[in-house]
Amino acid sequence: MKDKVIITAALTGAFPAKDKNPNIPLTPKEIADDVINVWKAGAAIAHLHMIDEEGNGTMDKERFKETVELVRERECDIILNLTTSGDLNATDETRMAHLIELKPEMASFDAGSMNWMHKTIFLNTPSFLEKLGQVMIDNNVKPEIEVFDAGMLYNTLYYVKKGLVAEPTHYQFVLGAPGGTAATVENLVYLKSLLPENCTWSAFGIGQGHLPILYTTLALGGHIRVGMEDNIYYAKGQMAKSNAEFVERAVRIIHELNKEVATPEEARQILGLN
């Protein structure tokens, strides 16, 4: 399936703002409705954050449960990838509780700490990552290994050797986050050169780096992520109308490159989820 491309839709991040773009989904119902829309547009994976009543990111497992149930009752077979880093004030336990209860097919594994937005620390201690890796193994959750810089990739090689991250691994290069690696073509090519054999990988650029990284990723044979978690503008000065709009453009670009969009079932085969 080398010409099949998995599209991940990241619908809303930990710091959404309706005043920046009123089309960002916030409630469980809005998020679930958006999952259905991106699935119909061609996304095989939905990456989910939860938002509380005050509009802040939360790891409240009941909100995850409500959203997942709203999606599944509509007979949608999209792969759900639940974040483990939706609240900078969350404890190790609350970052993992929803995985134990809901057992999603995938969840994020942020493979190191970093200075987030030059203001605070995005903390992923070695002890937390070891616990998270074991929880994922115990509950049959595949890690989406999020890599913000090269050191995080090397961290995961260590956890693979320790048996705390199962192979084959799946990497998500996160480029353009303040405090992380910049969203440049050169940086993506370098990071790809570090990948271990027999892994799968995806990448995205935040903000203005979105399209250059998307095109480069496809040219290098990777999978892609789009959505309003990473970019609230569809084009310069043009507010995104929906997450589905990003997916629809990605589908067109994939077809223009003579590749095919992977269905959720094909994505499961590619990622080893079956």
Protein backbone atom coordinates (compact mmCIF):
# COMPACT_ATOMS: atom_id res chain seq x y z
CA MET A 1 0.00 0.00 0.00
CA LYS A 2 2.88 2.35 -0.69
CA ASP A 3 0.67 4.78 -2.64
CA LYS A 4 -2.02 4.92 0.06
CA VAL A 5 -1.92 8.08 2.18
CA ILE A 6 -3.46 8.28 5.63
CA ILE A 7 -5.09 11.61 6.43
CA THR A 8 -5.33 12.52 10.11
CA ALA A 9 -7.68 15.35 11.02
CA ALA A 10 -6.76 17.25 14.19
CA LEU A 11 -9.99 19.03 15.01
CA THR A 12 -9.25 21.27 17.98
CA GLY A 13 -6.22 21.79 20.18
CA ALA A 14 -5.65 22.39 23.87
CA PHE A 15 -5.87 26.15 23.37
CA PRO A 16 -8.84 26.77 21.05
CA ALA A 17 -10.35 30.22 20.63
CA LYS A 18 -13.73 30.92 19.10
CA ASP A 19 -12.77 34.60 18.89
CA LYS A 20 -9.93 33.60 16.57
CA ASN A 21 -12.07 31.28 14.44
CA PRO A 22 -15.75 30.66 15.34
CA ASN A 23 -15.73 27.39 13.39
CA ILE A 24 -13.48 25.54 15.87
CA PRO A 25 -15.46 22.71 17.55
CA LEU A 26 -15.49 22.78 21.36
CA THR A 27 -18.29 20.69 22.88
CA PRO A 28 -18.46 16.89 22.68
CA LYS A 29 -21.34 17.18 20.21
CA GLU A 30 -19.52 19.72 18.03
CA ILE A 31 -16.38 17.61 18.03
CA ALA A 32 -18.30 14.40 17.28
CA ASP A 33 -20.17 16.09 14.42
CA ASP A 34 -16.83 17.28 13.05
CA VAL A 35 -15.44 13.75 13.25
CA ILE A 36 -18.27 12.56 11.03
CA ASN A 37 -17.69 15.39 8.57
CA VAL A 38 -13.93 14.78 8.20
CA TRP A 39 -14.55 11.03 7.92
CA LYS A 40 -16.96 11.62 5.04
CA ALA A 41 -14.41 13.96 3.45
CA GLY A 42 -11.67 11.31 3.51
CA ALA A 43 -9.90 11.30 6.88
CA ALA A 44 -8.97 7.89 8.25
CA ILE A 45 -7.92 9.15 11.71
CA ALA A 46 -9.38 11.82 14.00
CA HIS A 47 -7.05 13.25 16.63
CA LEU A 48 -9.12 14.48 19.57
CA HIS A 49 -8.65 16.99 22.37
CA MET A 50 -11.39 17.87 24.87
CA ILE A 51 -12.41 21.35 25.98
CA ASP A 52 -14.07 22.31 29.27
CA GLU A 53 -16.93 24.76 29.90
CA GLU A 54 -14.48 27.66 30.21
CA GLY A 55 -12.92 26.91 26.84
CA ASN A 56 -9.71 25.38 28.21
CA GLY A 57 -8.13 22.06 27.34
CA THR A 58 -9.05 19.27 29.71
CA MET A 59 -8.26 15.60 30.24
CA ASP A 60 -11.72 14.92 31.68
CA LYS A 61 -12.32 11.29 30.76
CA GLU A 62 -16.10 11.79 30.82
CA ARG A 63 -15.85 14.27 27.98
CA PHE A 64 -13.73 11.84 26.01
CA LYS A 65 -16.27 9.10 26.72
CA GLU A 66 -19.23 11.23 25.63
CA THR A 67 -17.50 12.25 22.40
CA VAL A 68 -16.40 8.71 21.53
CA GLU A 69 -19.90 7.36 22.17
CA LEU A 70 -21.46 10.08 19.99
CA VAL A 71 -19.14 9.09 17.15
CA ARG A 72 -19.58 5.34 17.47
CA GLU A 73 -23.36 5.43 17.67
CA ARG A 74 -23.34 6.84 14.14
CA GLU A 75 -21.57 3.75 12.78
CA CYS A 76 -18.46 5.68 11.83
CA ASP A 77 -15.37 3.47 11.43
CA ILE A 78 -12.77 6.25 11.63
CA ILE A 79 -9.75 5.54 13.84
CA LEU A 80 -9.87 7.62 17.01
CA ASN A 81 -6.55 8.95 18.29
CA LEU A 82 -7.00 10.50 21.75
CA THR A 83 -4.53 13.00 23.10
CA THR A 84 -2.66 12.43 26.34
CA SER A 85 -1.49 16.05 26.56
CA GLY A 86 -4.58 18.23 26.48
CA ASP A 87 -4.00 20.08 29.76
CA LEU A 88 -0.68 21.42 31.04
CA ASN A 89 -2.00 21.12 34.62
CA ALA A 90 -3.07 17.48 34.34
CA THR A 91 -1.48 14.77 36.47
CA ASP A 92 0.17 11.64 35.11
CA GLU A 93 -2.93 9.70 36.13
CA THR A 94 -5.49 11.97 34.47
CA ARG A 95 -3.44 11.94 31.27
CA MET A 96 -3.89 8.17 31.04
CA ALA A 97 -7.25 7.44 32.70
CA HIS A 98 -9.27 7.72 29.49
CA LEU A 99 -7.00 5.19 27.76
CA ILE A 100 -7.63 2.60 30.45
CA GLU A 101 -11.40 3.10 30.30
CA LEU A 102 -11.99 3.68 26.58
CA LYS A 103 -9.09 1.71 25.06
CA PRO A 104 -8.90 3.75 21.83
CA GLU A 105 -7.03 2.34 18.87
CA MET A 106 -4.44 5.13 19.09
CA ALA A 107 -3.26 7.85 21.45
CA SER A 108 -0.50 10.44 21.43
CA PHE A 109 2.88 9.71 22.99
CA ASP A 110 4.79 13.00 23.26
CA ALA A 111 8.32 11.73 23.48
CA GLY A 112 9.98 14.43 25.58
CA SER A 113 9.68 17.77 27.33
CA MET A 114 10.07 21.20 25.78
CA ASN A 115 9.67 24.91 26.48
CA TRP A 116 6.13 25.44 25.22
CA MET A 117 5.35 28.76 23.50
CA HIS A 118 8.44 30.20 25.29
CA LYS A 119 6.19 30.62 28.34
CA THR A 120 5.83 27.30 30.15
CA ILE A 121 7.06 23.71 30.14
CA PHE A 122 5.39 20.93 28.20
CA LEU A 123 6.41 18.26 30.66
CA ASN A 124 6.83 14.61 29.70
CA THR A 125 9.12 13.14 32.32
CA PRO A 126 10.92 9.83 31.83
CA SER A 127 8.82 8.25 34.58
CA PHE A 128 5.59 9.41 32.92
CA LEU A 129 6.64 8.15 29.50
CA GLU A 130 7.52 4.75 30.94
CA LYS A 131 4.12 4.53 32.67
CA LEU A 132 2.33 5.73 29.54
CA GLY A 133 4.11 3.23 27.35
CA GLN A 134 3.13 0.37 29.65
CA VAL A 135 -0.50 1.54 29.85
CA MET A 136 -0.64 1.60 26.05
CA ILE A 137 0.77 -1.92 25.83
CA ASP A 138 -1.61 -3.21 28.51
CA ASN A 139 -4.66 -1.69 26.80
CA ASN A 140 -3.66 -2.38 23.17
CA VAL A 141 -3.40 1.31 22.28
CA LYS A 142 -0.96 2.16 19.49
CA PRO A 143 1.25 5.16 20.27
CA GLU A 144 1.29 8.03 17.84
CA ILE A 145 4.79 9.18 18.73
CA GLU A 146 4.78 12.97 18.47
CA VAL A 147 8.24 14.36 17.74
CA PHE A 148 8.88 18.09 18.18
CA ASP A 149 12.66 17.79 17.84
CA ALA A 150 15.26 15.15 17.03
CA GLY A 151 15.97 14.32 20.67
CA MET A 152 12.42 13.07 21.10
CA LEU A 153 12.91 10.55 18.31
CA TYR A 154 16.03 9.23 19.99
CA ASN A 155 14.09 8.96 23.25
CA THR A 156 11.65 6.56 21.62
CA LEU A 157 14.44 4.30 20.38
CA TYR A 158 15.41 3.88 24.04
CA TYR A 159 11.83 3.03 25.06
CA VAL A 160 11.56 0.53 22.20
CA LYS A 161 14.70 -1.21 23.49
CA LYS A 162 13.20 -1.30 26.99
CA GLY A 163 10.02 -2.91 25.64
CA LEU A 164 7.84 0.06 26.62
CA VAL A 165 6.98 1.11 23.05
CA ALA A 166 5.86 -1.67 20.76
CA GLU A 167 7.04 -2.02 17.17
CA PRO A 168 6.29 -1.23 14.43
CA THR A 169 6.36 2.38 15.57
CA HIS A 170 4.39 5.27 14.10
CA TYR A 171 5.86 8.78 14.20
CA GLN A 172 4.17 12.16 13.85
CA PHE A 173 6.58 15.03 13.15
CA VAL A 174 5.24 18.25 14.69
CA LEU A 175 6.94 21.20 13.03
CA GLY A 176 6.52 24.88 13.75
CA ALA A 177 5.52 24.81 17.43
CA PRO A 178 7.19 27.69 19.32
CA GLY A 179 9.94 26.01 21.32
CA GLY A 180 10.24 23.11 18.88
CA THR A 181 11.75 22.51 15.45
CA ALA A 182 10.82 25.03 12.76
CA ALA A 183 8.54 23.98 9.90
CA THR A 184 11.07 23.91 7.08
CA VAL A 185 11.61 21.42 4.29
CA GLU A 186 15.23 20.95 5.35
CA ASN A 187 14.21 20.05 8.91
CA LEU A 188 11.66 17.52 7.73
CA VAL A 189 14.15 15.83 5.41
CA TYR A 190 16.63 15.60 8.30
CA LEU A 191 14.08 14.15 10.74
CA LYS A 192 12.97 11.57 8.19
CA SER A 193 16.60 10.46 7.81
CA LEU A 194 16.62 9.48 11.51
CA LEU A 195 13.64 7.12 11.31
CA PRO A 196 14.19 3.46 12.19
CA GLU A 197 13.43 0.75 9.67
CA ASN A 198 9.93 -0.66 9.29
CA CYS A 199 8.14 2.29 10.88
CA THR A 200 5.38 4.49 9.51
CA TRP A 201 5.39 8.26 9.72
CA SER A 202 3.35 11.39 9.23
CA ALA A 203 4.09 15.11 9.49
CA PHE A 204 2.47 18.50 9.61
CA GLY A 205 3.49 22.14 9.80
CA ILE A 206 1.77 24.63 12.07
CA GLY A 207 0.48 27.90 10.62
CA GLN A 208 2.20 29.15 7.49
CA GLY A 209 4.36 26.02 7.36
CA HIS A 210 1.30 23.86 6.72
CA LEU A 211 1.37 23.56 2.94
CA PRO A 212 5.16 23.32 2.43
CA ILE A 213 5.35 20.48 4.95
CA LEU A 214 2.26 18.78 3.50
CA TYR A 215 3.70 18.76 -0.03
CA THR A 216 7.15 17.65 1.18
CA THR A 217 5.70 14.86 3.30
CA LEU A 218 3.77 13.48 0.35
CA ALA A 219 6.84 13.71 -1.89
CA LEU A 220 8.87 11.79 0.71
CA GLY A 221 6.26 9.04 1.03
CA GLY A 222 4.76 9.99 4.40
CA HIS A 223 1.24 10.41 5.71
CA ILE A 224 -0.29 13.77 6.56
CA ARG A 225 -2.22 15.62 9.25
CA VAL A 226 -4.48 18.62 8.70
CA GLY A 227 -7.00 20.55 10.76
CA MET A 228 -7.75 23.53 12.95
CA GLU A 229 -5.62 22.35 15.85
CA ASP A 230 -2.67 23.33 13.68
CA ASN A 231 -3.99 26.09 11.45
CA ILE A 232 -7.12 28.25 11.71
CA TYR A 233 -6.52 29.79 8.27
CA TYR A 234 -7.21 27.94 5.03
CA ALA A 235 -5.08 30.42 3.10
CA LYS A 236 -3.41 33.75 3.79
CA GLY A 237 -6.10 36.04 5.18
CA GLN A 238 -8.81 33.41 4.62
CA MET A 239 -10.37 31.89 7.73
CA ALA A 240 -10.96 28.13 7.59
CA LYS A 241 -14.65 27.28 7.31
CA SER A 242 -14.29 23.78 8.73
CA ASN A 243 -11.92 20.91 9.36
CA ALA A 244 -13.52 19.08 6.44
CA GLU A 245 -12.33 21.89 4.16
CA PHE A 246 -8.72 21.01 5.02
CA VAL A 247 -9.36 17.31 4.43
CA GLU A 248 -11.00 17.97 1.07
CA ARG A 249 -7.97 19.94 -0.10
CA ALA A 250 -5.64 17.19 1.10
CA VAL A 251 -7.64 14.64 -0.89
CA ARG A 252 -7.30 16.74 -4.03
CA ILE A 253 -3.55 17.12 -3.58
CA ILE A 254 -3.09 13.39 -2.96
CA HIS A 255 -4.96 12.60 -6.17
CA GLU A 256 -2.94 15.18 -8.13
CA LEU A 257 0.21 13.33 -7.02
CA ASN A 258 -1.23 10.07 -8.39
CA LYS A 259 -1.62 8.63 -4.92
CA GLU A 260 -4.73 7.29 -3.19
CA VAL A 261 -6.45 8.20 0.06
CA ALA A 262 -6.40 5.40 2.61
CA THR A 263 -9.72 4.32 4.07
CA PRO A 264 -9.89 3.69 7.83
CA GLU A 265 -9.64 -0.05 7.21
CA GLU A 266 -6.61 0.40 4.94
CA ALA A 267 -5.05 2.69 7.56
CA ARG A 268 -5.51 -0.08 10.13
CA GLN A 269 -3.58 -2.45 7.89
CA ILE A 270 -0.80 0.09 7.26
CA LEU A 271 -0.44 0.85 10.97
CA GLY A 272 -0.82 -2.72 12.15
CA LEU A 273 -4.01 -2.11 14.10
CA ASN A 274 -5.86 -5.20 12.85
